[in-house]
Amino acid sequence: MRIVRICAAIVTLLALSPLPASAKQDDGLLEHLSGPGPFIRFPSLDIRVACITAVNSENHTVGIAPWGRGSTSEFGFKPYVAKSNTPASVRTAKEQCAADKDVRAYLTVAWGHYTGVQNNLFPNNVEDDVFKVKAESVNMRFMGRALDGVVDVGFGFDLFFFYGKAFDRITRFGVEPFRVSVAPFAAIESTPRTRAFRLAVAPTILFGSLTQDDFCNTSACTVVPRQFATKAETQWATTVELDILTLIKGN
């Protein structure tokens, strides 16, 4: 089984590697839209809020507080302590989710801040501060666990807020039709600590259209931007996920 997990991790990592040059990347890496970009996404948080685990062959769904163990965030420091009237199956389910053990699926919410490095809509003014674009994103993802935690597969929904000095704030919804997350070190031994470092890939489809006027429509915009128009733009994202607390203090 360990050989199968290692082979699966290698195959998945090879599948993630040939990304296009215009790929959208996040969590500390660079991102590029058809118009503005690239961006640096920092800081960002990804917090697990619900967990599905099996107890005696029966699935249980339990909630996880952002500060609780198992939330896969840097703030997940508080261990689970069962109340005296908690049913045994629920207590076991919460203990397993807090320890990230025998988890079958989970629901996460994520937030990220994007800072534009430049804006290629203006080839002669690519680094002018007035043309830079910033953004905030809120994401919700459902992930299912496979291969003893080496590979997680799921989908998600996104909400982006773009803002800057040269244009009015715009909002775009998006969807991740699938997301694949790989914990390469878990192929050797699957533990919370080895699963604390993950590599993920997902296409993001932005609903609606985007044109040059969306990013240049106020009095601050004094240069004619490059013309472009796109609908339902698809961006491939590669992500580095790191649970710092678990990496340091996990099992």
C-alpha atoms as a PDB file:
ATOM      1  CA  MET A   1       0.000   0.000   0.000  1.00  0.00           C
ATOM      2  CA  ARG A   2       2.873   2.375   0.763  1.00  0.00           C
ATOM      3  CA  ILE A   3       4.320   1.774  -2.736  1.00  0.00           C
ATOM      4  CA  VAL A   4       0.912   2.499  -4.258  1.00  0.00           C
ATOM      5  CA  ARG A   5       0.685   5.792  -2.338  1.00  0.00           C
ATOM      6  CA  ILE A   6       4.203   6.817  -3.386  1.00  0.00           C
ATOM      7  CA  CYS A   7       3.519   6.041  -7.056  1.00  0.00           C
ATOM      8  CA  ALA A   8       0.221   7.920  -6.940  1.00  0.00           C
ATOM      9  CA  ALA A   9       1.905  10.962  -5.411  1.00  0.00           C
ATOM     10  CA  ILE A  10       4.649  10.955  -8.067  1.00  0.00           C
ATOM     11  CA  VAL A  11       2.138  10.657 -10.911  1.00  0.00           C
ATOM     12  CA  THR A  12      -0.002  13.456  -9.489  1.00  0.00           C
ATOM     13  CA  LEU A  13       2.993  15.768  -9.013  1.00  0.00           C
ATOM     14  CA  LEU A  14       4.073  15.155 -12.605  1.00  0.00           C
ATOM     15  CA  ALA A  15       0.551  16.005 -13.746  1.00  0.00           C
ATOM     16  CA  LEU A  16       0.687  19.283 -11.852  1.00  0.00           C
ATOM     17  CA  SER A  17       4.019  20.430 -13.285  1.00  0.00           C
ATOM     18  CA  PRO A  18       3.335  21.474 -16.931  1.00  0.00           C
ATOM     19  CA  LEU A  19       1.418  24.683 -16.155  1.00  0.00           C
ATOM     20  CA  PRO A  20       1.043  27.441 -18.799  1.00  0.00           C
ATOM     21  CA  ALA A  21       3.070  30.625 -18.461  1.00  0.00           C
ATOM     22  CA  SER A  22      -0.087  32.682 -17.870  1.00  0.00           C
ATOM     23  CA  ALA A  23      -1.236  30.460 -15.028  1.00  0.00           C
ATOM     24  CA  LYS A  24      -2.909  31.982 -12.009  1.00  0.00           C
ATOM     25  CA  GLN A  25      -1.006  31.025  -8.876  1.00  0.00           C
ATOM     26  CA  ASP A  26      -1.694  31.905  -5.272  1.00  0.00           C
ATOM     27  CA  ASP A  27      -0.671  31.544  -1.636  1.00  0.00           C
ATOM     28  CA  GLY A  28       2.602  33.416  -1.982  1.00  0.00           C
ATOM     29  CA  LEU A  29       3.172  32.857  -5.706  1.00  0.00           C
ATOM     30  CA  LEU A  30       2.367  34.978  -8.779  1.00  0.00           C
ATOM     31  CA  GLU A  31      -0.922  35.329 -10.616  1.00  0.00           C
ATOM     32  CA  HIS A  32      -1.756  36.890 -13.980  1.00  0.00           C
ATOM     33  CA  LEU A  33      -5.135  37.780 -15.482  1.00  0.00           C
ATOM     34  CA  SER A  34      -5.714  38.542 -19.163  1.00  0.00           C
ATOM     35  CA  GLY A  35      -5.440  42.228 -18.294  1.00  0.00           C
ATOM     36  CA  PRO A  36      -3.730  43.250 -15.029  1.00  0.00           C
ATOM     37  CA  GLY A  37      -1.037  41.371 -13.177  1.00  0.00           C
ATOM     38  CA  PRO A  38       1.002  39.668 -11.965  1.00  0.00           C
ATOM     39  CA  PHE A  39      -0.036  39.619  -8.314  1.00  0.00           C
ATOM     40  CA  ILE A  40       1.455  38.408  -5.066  1.00  0.00           C
ATOM     41  CA  ARG A  41      -1.078  36.644  -2.829  1.00  0.00           C
ATOM     42  CA  PHE A  42      -0.063  37.317   0.757  1.00  0.00           C
ATOM     43  CA  PRO A  43      -1.233  36.898   3.410  1.00  0.00           C
ATOM     44  CA  SER A  44      -3.759  34.075   3.095  1.00  0.00           C
ATOM     45  CA  LEU A  45      -5.587  31.733   5.465  1.00  0.00           C
ATOM     46  CA  ASP A  46      -7.299  28.393   4.875  1.00  0.00           C
ATOM     47  CA  ILE A  47      -9.396  27.133   7.799  1.00  0.00           C
ATOM     48  CA  ARG A  48     -11.290  23.849   8.074  1.00  0.00           C
ATOM     49  CA  VAL A  49     -14.770  24.442   9.491  1.00  0.00           C
ATOM     50  CA  ALA A  50     -16.390  21.002   9.159  1.00  0.00           C
ATOM     51  CA  CYS A  51     -15.115  17.447   9.017  1.00  0.00           C
ATOM     52  CA  ILE A  52     -16.574  14.079   8.017  1.00  0.00           C
ATOM     53  CA  THR A  53     -15.102  11.005   9.687  1.00  0.00           C
ATOM     54  CA  ALA A  54     -16.101   7.363  10.124  1.00  0.00           C
ATOM     55  CA  VAL A  55     -16.845   5.829  13.525  1.00  0.00           C
ATOM     56  CA  ASN A  56     -17.804   2.137  13.523  1.00  0.00           C
ATOM     57  CA  SER A  57     -18.454   2.290   9.765  1.00  0.00           C
ATOM     58  CA  GLU A  58     -20.849   5.237  10.227  1.00  0.00           C
ATOM     59  CA  ASN A  59     -20.045   8.715   8.915  1.00  0.00           C
ATOM     60  CA  HIS A  60     -20.258  11.663  11.303  1.00  0.00           C
ATOM     61  CA  THR A  61     -20.084  15.346  10.367  1.00  0.00           C
ATOM     62  CA  VAL A  62     -18.748  17.650  13.071  1.00  0.00           C
ATOM     63  CA  GLY A  63     -17.948  21.347  13.181  1.00  0.00           C
ATOM     64  CA  ILE A  64     -14.498  22.718  13.985  1.00  0.00           C
ATOM     65  CA  ALA A  65     -13.809  26.143  15.474  1.00  0.00           C
ATOM     66  CA  PRO A  66     -11.041  28.212  13.789  1.00  0.00           C
ATOM     67  CA  TRP A  67      -8.997  28.014  16.995  1.00  0.00           C
ATOM     68  CA  GLY A  68      -9.566  24.274  17.451  1.00  0.00           C
ATOM     69  CA  ARG A  69      -7.174  21.462  16.595  1.00  0.00           C
ATOM     70  CA  GLY A  70      -7.956  20.037  13.182  1.00  0.00           C
ATOM     71  CA  SER A  71      -8.818  23.419  11.650  1.00  0.00           C
ATOM     72  CA  THR A  72      -5.565  23.223   9.628  1.00  0.00           C
ATOM     73  CA  SER A  73      -4.755  26.840  10.406  1.00  0.00           C
ATOM     74  CA  GLU A  74      -1.989  28.512  12.348  1.00  0.00           C
ATOM     75  CA  PHE A  75      -4.522  29.362  15.067  1.00  0.00           C
ATOM     76  CA  GLY A  76      -5.713  25.808  15.688  1.00  0.00           C
ATOM     77  CA  PHE A  77      -4.185  25.485  19.138  1.00  0.00           C
ATOM     78  CA  LYS A  78      -7.092  24.453  21.378  1.00  0.00           C
ATOM     79  CA  PRO A  79      -7.534  20.672  21.878  1.00  0.00           C
ATOM     80  CA  TYR A  80     -10.996  19.121  21.860  1.00  0.00           C
ATOM     81  CA  VAL A  81     -12.439  18.373  25.303  1.00  0.00           C
ATOM     82  CA  ALA A  82     -15.696  16.415  25.341  1.00  0.00           C
ATOM     83  CA  LYS A  83     -18.586  17.386  27.581  1.00  0.00           C
ATOM     84  CA  SER A  84     -19.896  14.786  30.011  1.00  0.00           C
ATOM     85  CA  ASN A  85     -23.168  14.359  28.098  1.00  0.00           C
ATOM     86  CA  THR A  86     -21.565  13.993  24.658  1.00  0.00           C
ATOM     87  CA  PRO A  87     -22.470  10.667  22.971  1.00  0.00           C
ATOM     88  CA  ALA A  88     -19.504   8.317  22.607  1.00  0.00           C
ATOM     89  CA  SER A  89     -19.694   8.238  18.798  1.00  0.00           C
ATOM     90  CA  VAL A  90     -19.742  12.037  18.562  1.00  0.00           C
ATOM     91  CA  ARG A  91     -16.880  12.308  21.025  1.00  0.00           C
ATOM     92  CA  THR A  92     -14.821   9.864  18.962  1.00  0.00           C
ATOM     93  CA  ALA A  93     -15.669  11.700  15.744  1.00  0.00           C
ATOM     94  CA  LYS A  94     -14.550  15.045  17.165  1.00  0.00           C
ATOM     95  CA  GLU A  95     -11.377  13.524  18.582  1.00  0.00           C
ATOM     96  CA  GLN A  96     -10.554  11.999  15.190  1.00  0.00           C
ATOM     97  CA  CYS A  97     -11.213  15.278  13.364  1.00  0.00           C
ATOM     98  CA  ALA A  98      -9.142  17.224  15.887  1.00  0.00           C
ATOM     99  CA  ALA A  99      -6.278  14.777  15.317  1.00  0.00           C
ATOM    100  CA  ASP A 100      -6.880  14.730  11.525  1.00  0.00           C
ATOM    101  CA  LYS A 101      -7.273  10.956  11.772  1.00  0.00           C
ATOM    102  CA  ASP A 102      -9.575   8.782   9.640  1.00  0.00           C
ATOM    103  CA  VAL A 103     -10.949  11.919   7.956  1.00  0.00           C
ATOM    104  CA  ARG A 104     -13.023  11.172   4.859  1.00  0.00           C
ATOM    105  CA  ALA A 105     -13.878  14.727   3.780  1.00  0.00           C
ATOM    106  CA  TYR A 106     -13.859  18.301   5.033  1.00  0.00           C
ATOM    107  CA  LEU A 107     -15.171  21.786   4.296  1.00  0.00           C
ATOM    108  CA  THR A 108     -12.839  24.800   4.351  1.00  0.00           C
ATOM    109  CA  VAL A 109     -13.119  28.557   3.979  1.00  0.00           C
ATOM    110  CA  ALA A 110     -10.168  30.591   2.720  1.00  0.00           C
ATOM    111  CA  TRP A 111      -9.238  34.250   2.410  1.00  0.00           C
ATOM    112  CA  GLY A 112      -6.405  35.831   0.435  1.00  0.00           C
ATOM    113  CA  HIS A 113      -5.074  39.333  -0.255  1.00  0.00           C
ATOM    114  CA  TYR A 114      -3.632  40.110  -3.696  1.00  0.00           C
ATOM    115  CA  THR A 115      -1.165  42.931  -4.351  1.00  0.00           C
ATOM    116  CA  GLY A 116      -0.462  43.821  -7.978  1.00  0.00           C
ATOM    117  CA  VAL A 117       3.192  44.074  -8.991  1.00  0.00           C
ATOM    118  CA  GLN A 118       2.424  45.781 -12.304  1.00  0.00           C
ATOM    119  CA  ASN A 119      -0.320  46.155 -14.904  1.00  0.00           C
ATOM    120  CA  ASN A 120       0.403  45.138 -18.492  1.00  0.00           C
ATOM    121  CA  LEU A 121      -2.653  47.073 -19.699  1.00  0.00           C
ATOM    122  CA  PHE A 122      -0.263  50.027 -19.780  1.00  0.00           C
ATOM    123  CA  PRO A 123       2.979  48.894 -21.485  1.00  0.00           C
ATOM    124  CA  ASN A 124       4.719  52.230 -20.903  1.00  0.00           C
ATOM    125  CA  ASN A 125       3.586  52.568 -17.301  1.00  0.00           C
ATOM    126  CA  VAL A 126       3.613  48.984 -16.067  1.00  0.00           C
ATOM    127  CA  GLU A 127       4.903  49.785 -12.574  1.00  0.00           C
ATOM    128  CA  ASP A 128       3.077  53.068 -11.891  1.00  0.00           C
ATOM    129  CA  ASP A 129       1.285  52.825  -8.552  1.00  0.00           C
ATOM    130  CA  VAL A 130      -1.888  54.442  -9.887  1.00  0.00           C
ATOM    131  CA  PHE A 131      -2.477  51.536 -12.282  1.00  0.00           C
ATOM    132  CA  LYS A 132      -1.816  48.704  -9.849  1.00  0.00           C
ATOM    133  CA  VAL A 133      -4.689  46.375  -9.034  1.00  0.00           C
ATOM    134  CA  LYS A 134      -5.400  44.827  -5.630  1.00  0.00           C
ATOM    135  CA  ALA A 135      -7.934  42.181  -4.722  1.00  0.00           C
ATOM    136  CA  GLU A 136      -9.438  40.176  -1.895  1.00  0.00           C
ATOM    137  CA  SER A 137     -10.780  36.665  -2.346  1.00  0.00           C
ATOM    138  CA  VAL A 138     -13.086  34.489  -0.251  1.00  0.00           C
ATOM    139  CA  ASN A 139     -13.280  30.789  -1.068  1.00  0.00           C
ATOM    140  CA  MET A 140     -15.291  27.796   0.138  1.00  0.00           C
ATOM    141  CA  ARG A 141     -14.108  24.298  -0.759  1.00  0.00           C
ATOM    142  CA  PHE A 142     -15.299  20.731  -0.184  1.00  0.00           C
ATOM    143  CA  MET A 143     -12.503  18.161  -0.254  1.00  0.00           C
ATOM    144  CA  GLY A 144     -12.611  14.363  -0.098  1.00  0.00           C
ATOM    145  CA  ARG A 145      -9.613  12.389   1.174  1.00  0.00           C
ATOM    146  CA  ALA A 146      -8.041   9.460  -0.667  1.00  0.00           C
ATOM    147  CA  LEU A 147      -4.955   7.258  -0.428  1.00  0.00           C
ATOM    148  CA  ASP A 148      -4.608   7.714   3.340  1.00  0.00           C
ATOM    149  CA  GLY A 149      -4.291  11.490   3.096  1.00  0.00           C
ATOM    150  CA  VAL A 150      -1.756  11.622   0.251  1.00  0.00           C
ATOM    151  CA  VAL A 151      -4.329  13.008  -2.201  1.00  0.00           C
ATOM    152  CA  ASP A 152      -7.413  15.151  -1.503  1.00  0.00           C
ATOM    153  CA  VAL A 153      -9.880  15.887  -4.330  1.00  0.00           C
ATOM    154  CA  GLY A 154     -12.803  18.327  -4.326  1.00  0.00           C
ATOM    155  CA  PHE A 155     -14.342  21.509  -5.703  1.00  0.00           C
ATOM    156  CA  GLY A 156     -14.951  25.076  -4.583  1.00  0.00           C
ATOM    157  CA  PHE A 157     -16.645  28.441  -5.027  1.00  0.00           C
ATOM    158  CA  ASP A 158     -14.880  31.829  -5.096  1.00  0.00           C
ATOM    159  CA  LEU A 159     -15.705  35.505  -4.634  1.00  0.00           C
ATOM    160  CA  PHE A 160     -13.194  38.150  -5.825  1.00  0.00           C
ATOM    161  CA  PHE A 161     -13.158  41.882  -5.018  1.00  0.00           C
ATOM    162  CA  PHE A 162     -10.868  43.920  -7.328  1.00  0.00           C
ATOM    163  CA  TYR A 163     -10.002  47.534  -6.443  1.00  0.00           C
ATOM    164  CA  GLY A 164      -7.448  50.232  -7.325  1.00  0.00           C
ATOM    165  CA  LYS A 165      -6.892  53.956  -7.857  1.00  0.00           C
ATOM    166  CA  ALA A 166      -7.717  53.922 -11.587  1.00  0.00           C
ATOM    167  CA  PHE A 167     -11.053  52.078 -11.473  1.00  0.00           C
ATOM    168  CA  ASP A 168     -14.149  51.484  -9.412  1.00  0.00           C
ATOM    169  CA  ARG A 169     -14.325  48.347  -7.292  1.00  0.00           C
ATOM    170  CA  ILE A 170     -15.637  45.305  -9.165  1.00  0.00           C
ATOM    171  CA  THR A 171     -16.832  41.918  -7.915  1.00  0.00           C
ATOM    172  CA  ARG A 172     -16.640  38.593  -9.723  1.00  0.00           C
ATOM    173  CA  PHE A 173     -17.884  35.158  -8.708  1.00  0.00           C
ATOM    174  CA  GLY A 174     -15.916  32.072  -9.630  1.00  0.00           C
ATOM    175  CA  VAL A 175     -15.976  28.305  -9.378  1.00  0.00           C
ATOM    176  CA  GLU A 176     -13.305  25.642  -9.020  1.00  0.00           C
ATOM    177  CA  PRO A 177     -14.795  22.642 -10.884  1.00  0.00           C
ATOM    178  CA  PHE A 178     -12.141  20.443  -9.312  1.00  0.00           C
ATOM    179  CA  ARG A 179      -9.193  20.794  -6.963  1.00  0.00           C
ATOM    180  CA  VAL A 180      -6.418  18.253  -6.353  1.00  0.00           C
ATOM    181  CA  SER A 181      -4.225  18.566  -3.261  1.00  0.00           C
ATOM    182  CA  VAL A 182      -1.179  16.337  -2.734  1.00  0.00           C
ATOM    183  CA  ALA A 183       0.830  15.785   0.462  1.00  0.00           C
ATOM    184  CA  PRO A 184       4.047  14.295  -0.994  1.00  0.00           C
ATOM    185  CA  PHE A 185       5.653  13.450   2.360  1.00  0.00           C
ATOM    186  CA  ALA A 186       2.525  11.561   3.460  1.00  0.00           C
ATOM    187  CA  ALA A 187       3.385   8.936   0.832  1.00  0.00           C
ATOM    188  CA  ILE A 188       6.198   7.812   3.156  1.00  0.00           C
ATOM    189  CA  GLU A 189       4.140   7.943   6.357  1.00  0.00           C
ATOM    190  CA  SER A 190       0.715   9.568   6.649  1.00  0.00           C
ATOM    191  CA  THR A 191       0.610  11.712   9.799  1.00  0.00           C
ATOM    192  CA  PRO A 192      -0.757  15.200  10.584  1.00  0.00           C
ATOM    193  CA  ARG A 193       2.785  16.569  10.354  1.00  0.00           C
ATOM    194  CA  THR A 194       3.550  15.001   6.966  1.00  0.00           C
ATOM    195  CA  ARG A 195       0.189  16.261   5.681  1.00  0.00           C
ATOM    196  CA  ALA A 196       0.917  19.814   6.891  1.00  0.00           C
ATOM    197  CA  PHE A 197       2.727  20.584   3.611  1.00  0.00           C
ATOM    198  CA  ARG A 198       0.625  20.188   0.482  1.00  0.00           C
ATOM    199  CA  LEU A 199       0.724  21.154  -3.184  1.00  0.00           C
ATOM    200  CA  ALA A 200      -2.586  21.840  -4.931  1.00  0.00           C
ATOM    201  CA  VAL A 201      -3.809  22.618  -8.433  1.00  0.00           C
ATOM    202  CA  ALA A 202      -7.236  23.879  -9.547  1.00  0.00           C
ATOM    203  CA  PRO A 203      -8.763  25.743 -12.486  1.00  0.00           C
ATOM    204  CA  THR A 204     -10.776  28.829 -11.510  1.00  0.00           C
ATOM    205  CA  ILE A 205     -13.533  30.005 -13.861  1.00  0.00           C
ATOM    206  CA  LEU A 206     -14.498  33.662 -13.340  1.00  0.00           C
ATOM    207  CA  PHE A 207     -18.129  34.354 -14.227  1.00  0.00           C
ATOM    208  CA  GLY A 208     -19.025  37.400 -16.323  1.00  0.00           C
ATOM    209  CA  SER A 209     -16.877  39.484 -18.646  1.00  0.00           C
ATOM    210  CA  LEU A 210     -13.764  41.596 -18.110  1.00  0.00           C
ATOM    211  CA  THR A 211     -12.511  44.414 -20.345  1.00  0.00           C
ATOM    212  CA  GLN A 212      -9.897  47.155 -20.186  1.00  0.00           C
ATOM    213  CA  ASP A 213     -12.572  49.598 -18.965  1.00  0.00           C
ATOM    214  CA  ASP A 214     -13.075  47.524 -15.796  1.00  0.00           C
ATOM    215  CA  PHE A 215      -9.533  48.427 -14.710  1.00  0.00           C
ATOM    216  CA  CYS A 216      -9.323  51.987 -16.068  1.00  0.00           C
ATOM    217  CA  ASN A 217     -12.470  54.119 -15.676  1.00  0.00           C
ATOM    218  CA  THR A 218     -11.803  57.012 -13.257  1.00  0.00           C
ATOM    219  CA  SER A 219     -10.057  60.377 -13.449  1.00  0.00           C
ATOM    220  CA  ALA A 220      -6.878  58.682 -12.213  1.00  0.00           C
ATOM    221  CA  CYS A 221      -6.681  56.797 -15.506  1.00  0.00           C
ATOM    222  CA  THR A 222      -4.974  59.197 -17.932  1.00  0.00           C
ATOM    223  CA  VAL A 223      -3.432  56.625 -20.302  1.00  0.00           C
ATOM    224  CA  VAL A 224      -5.332  54.636 -22.914  1.00  0.00           C
ATOM    225  CA  PRO A 225      -5.057  50.981 -21.874  1.00  0.00           C
ATOM    226  CA  ARG A 226      -4.434  47.988 -24.115  1.00  0.00           C
ATOM    227  CA  GLN A 227      -7.742  46.679 -25.463  1.00  0.00           C
ATOM    228  CA  PHE A 228      -8.903  43.272 -24.328  1.00  0.00           C
ATOM    229  CA  ALA A 229     -12.143  41.437 -23.620  1.00  0.00           C
ATOM    230  CA  THR A 230     -12.755  38.065 -22.010  1.00  0.00           C
ATOM    231  CA  LYS A 231     -15.765  36.070 -20.803  1.00  0.00           C
ATOM    232  CA  ALA A 232     -15.752  33.258 -18.243  1.00  0.00           C
ATOM    233  CA  GLU A 233     -11.981  33.455 -18.016  1.00  0.00           C
ATOM    234  CA  THR A 234     -10.345  30.223 -16.859  1.00  0.00           C
ATOM    235  CA  GLN A 235      -7.191  30.474 -14.759  1.00  0.00           C
ATOM    236  CA  TRP A 236      -5.101  27.512 -13.633  1.00  0.00           C
ATOM    237  CA  ALA A 237      -3.917  27.884 -10.055  1.00  0.00           C
ATOM    238  CA  THR A 238      -1.048  26.195  -8.252  1.00  0.00           C
ATOM    239  CA  THR A 239      -1.005  26.522  -4.482  1.00  0.00           C
ATOM    240  CA  VAL A 240       1.465  25.847  -1.691  1.00  0.00           C
ATOM    241  CA  GLU A 241      -0.410  25.014   1.521  1.00  0.00           C
ATOM    242  CA  LEU A 242       1.402  25.023   4.853  1.00  0.00           C
ATOM    243  CA  ASP A 243      -0.086  24.432   8.321  1.00  0.00           C
ATOM    244  CA  ILE A 244       2.659  25.987  10.423  1.00  0.00           C
ATOM    245  CA  LEU A 245       1.430  24.934  13.874  1.00  0.00           C
ATOM    246  CA  THR A 246       0.945  21.292  12.900  1.00  0.00           C
ATOM    247  CA  LEU A 247       4.296  21.245  11.135  1.00  0.00           C
ATOM    248  CA  ILE A 248       6.014  22.403  14.332  1.00  0.00           C
ATOM    249  CA  LYS A 249       3.969  20.648  17.030  1.00  0.00           C
ATOM    250  CA  GLY A 250       2.076  17.908  15.169  1.00  0.00           C
ATOM    251  CA  ASN A 251       2.616  14.178  15.443  1.00  0.00           C
END
